[in-house]
C-alpha atoms as a PDB file:
ATOM      1  CA  UNK A   1      -8.424   2.667  17.817  1.00  0.00           C
ATOM      2  CA  UNK A   2      -7.864   1.642  14.177  1.00  0.00           C
ATOM      3  CA  UNK A   3      -4.305   0.890  13.100  1.00  0.00           C
ATOM      4  CA  UNK A   4      -2.627   0.093   9.774  1.00  0.00           C
ATOM      5  CA  UNK A   5       0.639  -1.849   9.893  1.00  0.00           C
ATOM      6  CA  UNK A   6       2.843  -2.357   6.810  1.00  0.00           C
ATOM      7  CA  UNK A   7       5.344  -5.168   6.359  1.00  0.00           C
ATOM      8  CA  UNK A   8       7.490  -6.752   3.654  1.00  0.00           C
ATOM      9  CA  UNK A   9       9.991  -4.023   2.843  1.00  0.00           C
ATOM     10  CA  UNK A  10      13.699  -4.653   2.486  1.00  0.00           C
ATOM     11  CA  UNK A  11      16.759  -4.561   0.245  1.00  0.00           C
ATOM     12  CA  UNK A  12      16.539  -6.067  -3.242  1.00  0.00           C
ATOM     13  CA  UNK A  13      18.605  -5.901  -6.445  1.00  0.00           C
ATOM     14  CA  UNK A  14      17.246  -4.359  -9.656  1.00  0.00           C
ATOM     15  CA  UNK A  15      14.962  -6.831 -11.413  1.00  0.00           C
ATOM     16  CA  UNK A  16      13.965  -8.471  -8.158  1.00  0.00           C
ATOM     17  CA  UNK A  17      10.576  -8.696  -6.456  1.00  0.00           C
ATOM     18  CA  UNK A  18       8.999  -7.819  -3.126  1.00  0.00           C
ATOM     19  CA  UNK A  19       5.502  -8.210  -1.716  1.00  0.00           C
ATOM     20  CA  UNK A  20       4.226  -5.595   0.718  1.00  0.00           C
ATOM     21  CA  UNK A  21       1.333  -6.200   3.106  1.00  0.00           C
ATOM     22  CA  UNK A  22      -0.804  -3.824   5.149  1.00  0.00           C
ATOM     23  CA  UNK A  23      -3.219  -5.122   7.774  1.00  0.00           C
ATOM     24  CA  UNK A  24      -5.925  -3.005   9.399  1.00  0.00           C
ATOM     25  CA  UNK A  25      -7.068  -3.765  12.930  1.00  0.00           C
ATOM     26  CA  UNK A  26      -9.400  -2.277  15.522  1.00  0.00           C
ATOM     27  CA  UNK A  27     -13.081  -1.350  15.638  1.00  0.00           C
ATOM     28  CA  UNK A  28     -13.761  -1.681  11.908  1.00  0.00           C
ATOM     29  CA  UNK A  29     -17.229  -1.666  10.390  1.00  0.00           C
ATOM     30  CA  UNK A  30     -16.061  -1.660   6.772  1.00  0.00           C
ATOM     31  CA  UNK A  31     -13.139  -0.633   4.583  1.00  0.00           C
ATOM     32  CA  UNK A  32     -13.691   1.322   1.391  1.00  0.00           C
ATOM     33  CA  UNK A  33     -10.798   2.092  -0.966  1.00  0.00           C
ATOM     34  CA  UNK A  34      -7.234   1.155  -0.026  1.00  0.00           C
ATOM     35  CA  UNK A  35      -4.049   2.548  -1.540  1.00  0.00           C
ATOM     36  CA  UNK A  36      -0.269   2.516  -1.532  1.00  0.00           C
ATOM     37  CA  UNK A  37       1.788   5.711  -1.585  1.00  0.00           C
ATOM     38  CA  UNK A  38       5.547   6.134  -1.615  1.00  0.00           C
ATOM     39  CA  UNK A  39       8.078   8.846  -0.866  1.00  0.00           C
ATOM     40  CA  UNK A  40      11.559   8.610  -2.375  1.00  0.00           C
ATOM     41  CA  UNK A  41      14.585  10.427  -0.920  1.00  0.00           C
ATOM     42  CA  UNK A  42      14.373  14.127  -1.724  1.00  0.00           C
ATOM     43  CA  UNK A  43      11.010  13.782  -3.494  1.00  0.00           C
ATOM     44  CA  UNK A  44       7.353  14.395  -2.692  1.00  0.00           C
ATOM     45  CA  UNK A  45       4.975  11.621  -1.708  1.00  0.00           C
ATOM     46  CA  UNK A  46       3.201  10.068  -4.706  1.00  0.00           C
ATOM     47  CA  UNK A  47       0.268   7.732  -5.225  1.00  0.00           C
ATOM     48  CA  UNK A  48       1.350   4.287  -6.427  1.00  0.00           C
ATOM     49  CA  UNK A  49      -1.859   2.241  -6.669  1.00  0.00           C
ATOM     50  CA  UNK A  50      -5.457   2.139  -5.444  1.00  0.00           C
ATOM     51  CA  UNK A  51      -8.069  -0.583  -5.110  1.00  0.00           C
ATOM     52  CA  UNK A  52     -11.779  -0.158  -4.370  1.00  0.00           C
ATOM     53  CA  UNK A  53     -13.841  -2.381  -2.108  1.00  0.00           C
ATOM     54  CA  UNK A  54     -15.078  -4.120  -5.266  1.00  0.00           C
ATOM     55  CA  UNK A  55     -11.574  -4.751  -6.606  1.00  0.00           C
ATOM     56  CA  UNK A  56     -11.247  -1.994  -9.226  1.00  0.00           C
ATOM     57  CA  UNK A  57      -7.602  -0.887  -9.501  1.00  0.00           C
ATOM     58  CA  UNK A  58      -5.601   2.102 -10.704  1.00  0.00           C
ATOM     59  CA  UNK A  59      -1.830   2.480 -11.042  1.00  0.00           C
ATOM     60  CA  UNK A  60       0.696   5.229 -11.508  1.00  0.00           C
ATOM     61  CA  UNK A  61       2.164   5.166 -15.018  1.00  0.00           C
ATOM     62  CA  UNK A  62       5.619   4.529 -13.587  1.00  0.00           C
ATOM     63  CA  UNK A  63       4.593   1.179 -12.060  1.00  0.00           C
ATOM     64  CA  UNK A  64       1.870  -0.050 -14.423  1.00  0.00           C
ATOM     65  CA  UNK A  65       2.683  -3.525 -15.711  1.00  0.00           C
ATOM     66  CA  UNK A  66       5.182  -4.166 -12.911  1.00  0.00           C
ATOM     67  CA  UNK A  67       3.150  -3.739  -9.697  1.00  0.00           C
ATOM     68  CA  UNK A  68      -0.131  -5.394  -8.711  1.00  0.00           C
ATOM     69  CA  UNK A  69      -2.394  -4.254  -5.877  1.00  0.00           C
ATOM     70  CA  UNK A  70      -4.838  -6.712  -4.313  1.00  0.00           C
ATOM     71  CA  UNK A  71      -6.827  -7.140  -1.110  1.00  0.00           C
ATOM     72  CA  UNK A  72      -8.216  -9.802   1.191  1.00  0.00           C
ATOM     73  CA  UNK A  73     -11.370  -8.358   2.718  1.00  0.00           C
ATOM     74  CA  UNK A  74     -11.751 -11.248   5.172  1.00  0.00           C
ATOM     75  CA  UNK A  75      -8.393 -10.258   6.702  1.00  0.00           C
ATOM     76  CA  UNK A  76      -8.687  -6.459   6.263  1.00  0.00           C
ATOM     77  CA  UNK A  77      -5.416  -6.582   4.335  1.00  0.00           C
ATOM     78  CA  UNK A  78      -4.079  -4.958   1.168  1.00  0.00           C
ATOM     79  CA  UNK A  79      -1.036  -6.189  -0.760  1.00  0.00           C
ATOM     80  CA  UNK A  80       1.378  -4.713  -3.269  1.00  0.00           C
ATOM     81  CA  UNK A  81       3.271  -7.207  -5.425  1.00  0.00           C
ATOM     82  CA  UNK A  82       6.301  -5.436  -6.903  1.00  0.00           C
ATOM     83  CA  UNK A  83       8.135  -7.104  -9.798  1.00  0.00           C
ATOM     84  CA  UNK A  84      10.976  -5.973 -12.072  1.00  0.00           C
ATOM     85  CA  UNK A  85      12.058  -3.474  -9.454  1.00  0.00           C
ATOM     86  CA  UNK A  86      14.120  -0.457 -10.481  1.00  0.00           C
ATOM     87  CA  UNK A  87      16.419   1.794  -8.437  1.00  0.00           C
ATOM     88  CA  UNK A  88      13.812   4.526  -8.952  1.00  0.00           C
ATOM     89  CA  UNK A  89      11.368   2.434  -6.885  1.00  0.00           C
ATOM     90  CA  UNK A  90      13.462   3.030  -3.764  1.00  0.00           C
ATOM     91  CA  UNK A  91      11.192   4.763  -1.250  1.00  0.00           C
ATOM     92  CA  UNK A  92       9.272   4.484   1.975  1.00  0.00           C
ATOM     93  CA  UNK A  93       5.935   2.891   1.090  1.00  0.00           C
ATOM     94  CA  UNK A  94       2.813   3.913   3.026  1.00  0.00           C
ATOM     95  CA  UNK A  95      -0.559   2.194   3.271  1.00  0.00           C
ATOM     96  CA  UNK A  96      -3.758   4.261   3.200  1.00  0.00           C
ATOM     97  CA  UNK A  97      -7.374   3.204   3.710  1.00  0.00           C
ATOM     98  CA  UNK A  98     -10.830   4.730   4.034  1.00  0.00           C
ATOM     99  CA  UNK A  99     -12.392   3.020   7.042  1.00  0.00           C
ATOM    100  CA  UNK A 100     -15.827   3.195   8.658  1.00  0.00           C
ATOM    101  CA  UNK A 101     -15.349   2.602  12.384  1.00  0.00           C
ATOM    102  CA  UNK A 102     -17.731   1.366  15.050  1.00  0.00           C
ATOM    103  CA  UNK A 103     -21.285   2.589  14.522  1.00  0.00           C
ATOM    104  CA  UNK A 104     -20.211   5.394  12.177  1.00  0.00           C
ATOM    105  CA  UNK A 105     -21.367   5.478   8.550  1.00  0.00           C
ATOM    106  CA  UNK A 106     -18.793   7.975   7.267  1.00  0.00           C
ATOM    107  CA  UNK A 107     -15.311   6.776   6.262  1.00  0.00           C
ATOM    108  CA  UNK A 108     -12.138   8.354   7.607  1.00  0.00           C
ATOM    109  CA  UNK A 109      -8.591   8.204   6.225  1.00  0.00           C
ATOM    110  CA  UNK A 110      -6.030   6.113   8.098  1.00  0.00           C
ATOM    111  CA  UNK A 111      -2.298   5.797   7.401  1.00  0.00           C
ATOM    112  CA  UNK A 112       0.385   3.296   8.259  1.00  0.00           C
ATOM    113  CA  UNK A 113       3.825   4.399   9.420  1.00  0.00           C
ATOM    114  CA  UNK A 114       5.637   3.091   6.344  1.00  0.00           C
ATOM    115  CA  UNK A 115       8.024   0.350   5.267  1.00  0.00           C
ATOM    116  CA  UNK A 116      11.337   0.994   3.493  1.00  0.00           C
ATOM    117  CA  UNK A 117      12.051  -0.533   0.076  1.00  0.00           C
ATOM    118  CA  UNK A 118      15.619  -0.194  -1.214  1.00  0.00           C
ATOM    119  CA  UNK A 119      16.488  -1.280  -4.768  1.00  0.00           C
ATOM    120  CA  UNK A 120      20.239  -1.231  -5.294  1.00  0.00           C
ATOM    121  CA  UNK A 121      22.989  -3.146  -7.081  1.00  0.00           C
END
């Protein structure tokens, strides 16, 4: 019933910027923490950034100072602003959220299907 859909990926040169979005839809009672993960070619999936329902954020050391995670609770949407992009940022980026659905009071993990970010000169 609940779906997460990412958008905003694409091809960009080193030093450029992209803004990713992830919108949740369906029978949603509330959304707890939201996060962005990424998986680069030949590497394991890694956590990029998290944001709580109250707006507290955490970042991977590799992106701190360059990426900013934010959310719009009225639209059930999380964003990832990516600046000063590096070739090492090339990956498929996945949205993750803890969501309470319908009349439930226990959150469950939901995942988007990913959006590709390619940083290349």
